[in-house]
Amino acid sequence: MSEIIGLVTIILAVIKKKILVLKNKLMALVCIEF
């Protein structure tokens, strides 16, 4: 069970990082456009 929880936490951390990167890219695009 602990192994599954560890994998889930790692996956969530990776997803959060990817979302942050996408948000930063979108903000950069918006700043360039306007």
N, C-alpha and C. Protein backbone atom coordinates (compact mmCIF):
# COMPACT_ATOMS: atom_id res chain seq x y z
N MET A 1 0.85 -1.21 0.00
CA MET A 1 0.00 0.00 0.00
C MET A 1 0.88 1.26 0.00
N SER A 2 1.93 1.27 0.82
CA SER A 2 2.78 2.47 0.90
C SER A 2 3.44 2.76 -0.44
N GLU A 3 3.79 1.69 -1.18
CA GLU A 3 4.41 1.90 -2.51
C GLU A 3 3.45 2.61 -3.45
N ILE A 4 2.17 2.22 -3.41
CA ILE A 4 1.16 2.86 -4.28
C ILE A 4 1.03 4.33 -3.92
N ILE A 5 0.98 4.62 -2.61
CA ILE A 5 0.84 6.02 -2.16
C ILE A 5 2.05 6.83 -2.64
N GLY A 6 3.24 6.24 -2.56
CA GLY A 6 4.45 6.93 -3.01
C GLY A 6 4.38 7.27 -4.49
N LEU A 7 3.94 6.28 -5.29
CA LEU A 7 3.81 6.51 -6.74
C LEU A 7 2.80 7.61 -7.02
N VAL A 8 1.68 7.59 -6.32
CA VAL A 8 0.63 8.59 -6.55
C VAL A 8 1.16 9.99 -6.22
N THR A 9 1.88 10.12 -5.11
CA THR A 9 2.39 11.44 -4.72
C THR A 9 3.40 11.94 -5.75
N ILE A 10 4.23 11.03 -6.28
CA ILE A 10 5.22 11.42 -7.30
C ILE A 10 4.50 11.88 -8.57
N ILE A 11 3.48 11.10 -8.98
CA ILE A 11 2.73 11.45 -10.19
C ILE A 11 2.06 12.81 -10.02
N LEU A 12 1.45 13.05 -8.85
CA LEU A 12 0.79 14.33 -8.61
C LEU A 12 1.80 15.48 -8.66
N ALA A 13 2.97 15.26 -8.09
CA ALA A 13 4.01 16.31 -8.10
C ALA A 13 4.41 16.64 -9.53
N VAL A 14 4.58 15.60 -10.36
CA VAL A 14 4.97 15.82 -11.76
C VAL A 14 3.87 16.59 -12.49
N ILE A 15 2.61 16.20 -12.26
CA ILE A 15 1.49 16.88 -12.92
C ILE A 15 1.45 18.35 -12.50
N LYS A 16 1.65 18.61 -11.20
CA LYS A 16 1.62 19.99 -10.72
C LYS A 16 2.72 20.81 -11.39
N LYS A 17 3.92 20.21 -11.51
CA LYS A 17 5.02 20.94 -12.16
C LYS A 17 4.68 21.25 -13.60
N LYS A 18 4.11 20.26 -14.31
CA LYS A 18 3.75 20.47 -15.72
C LYS A 18 2.70 21.57 -15.84
N ILE A 19 1.73 21.60 -14.93
CA ILE A 19 0.68 22.63 -14.97
C ILE A 19 1.31 24.00 -14.74
N LEU A 20 2.25 24.08 -13.79
CA LEU A 20 2.90 25.37 -13.52
C LEU A 20 3.67 25.83 -14.75
N VAL A 21 4.37 24.90 -15.42
CA VAL A 21 5.13 25.26 -16.62
C VAL A 21 4.18 25.77 -17.71
N LEU A 22 3.05 25.07 -17.88
CA LEU A 22 2.08 25.50 -18.90
C LEU A 22 1.51 26.87 -18.56
N LYS A 23 1.23 27.12 -17.28
CA LYS A 23 0.70 28.44 -16.88
C LYS A 23 1.72 29.52 -17.18
N ASN A 24 3.00 29.25 -16.87
CA ASN A 24 4.04 30.24 -17.14
C ASN A 24 4.13 30.53 -18.64
N LYS A 25 4.05 29.48 -19.47
CA LYS A 25 4.10 29.67 -20.92
C LYS A 25 2.91 30.49 -21.40
N LEU A 26 1.72 30.20 -20.86
CA LEU A 26 0.53 30.95 -21.27
C LEU A 26 0.66 32.41 -20.87
N MET A 27 1.15 32.65 -19.65
CA MET A 27 1.32 34.04 -19.19
C MET A 27 2.33 34.77 -20.08
N ALA A 28 3.41 34.08 -20.47
CA ALA A 28 4.41 34.69 -21.34
C ALA A 28 3.78 35.05 -22.68
N LEU A 29 2.99 34.14 -23.23
CA LEU A 29 2.32 34.40 -24.51
C LEU A 29 1.38 35.60 -24.38
N VAL A 30 0.63 35.66 -23.29
CA VAL A 30 -0.31 36.77 -23.08
C VAL A 30 0.45 38.09 -22.99
N CYS A 31 1.58 38.08 -22.26
CA CYS A 31 2.38 39.30 -22.12
C CYS A 31 2.91 39.75 -23.47
N ILE A 32 3.32 38.80 -24.31
CA ILE A 32 3.84 39.14 -25.64
C ILE A 32 2.71 39.68 -26.52
N GLU A 33 1.54 39.07 -26.43
CA GLU A 33 0.42 39.47 -27.28
C GLU A 33 -0.08 40.87 -26.91
N PHE A 34 -0.14 41.17 -25.59
CA PHE A 34 -0.73 42.45 -25.16
C PHE A 34 0.30 43.41 -24.59
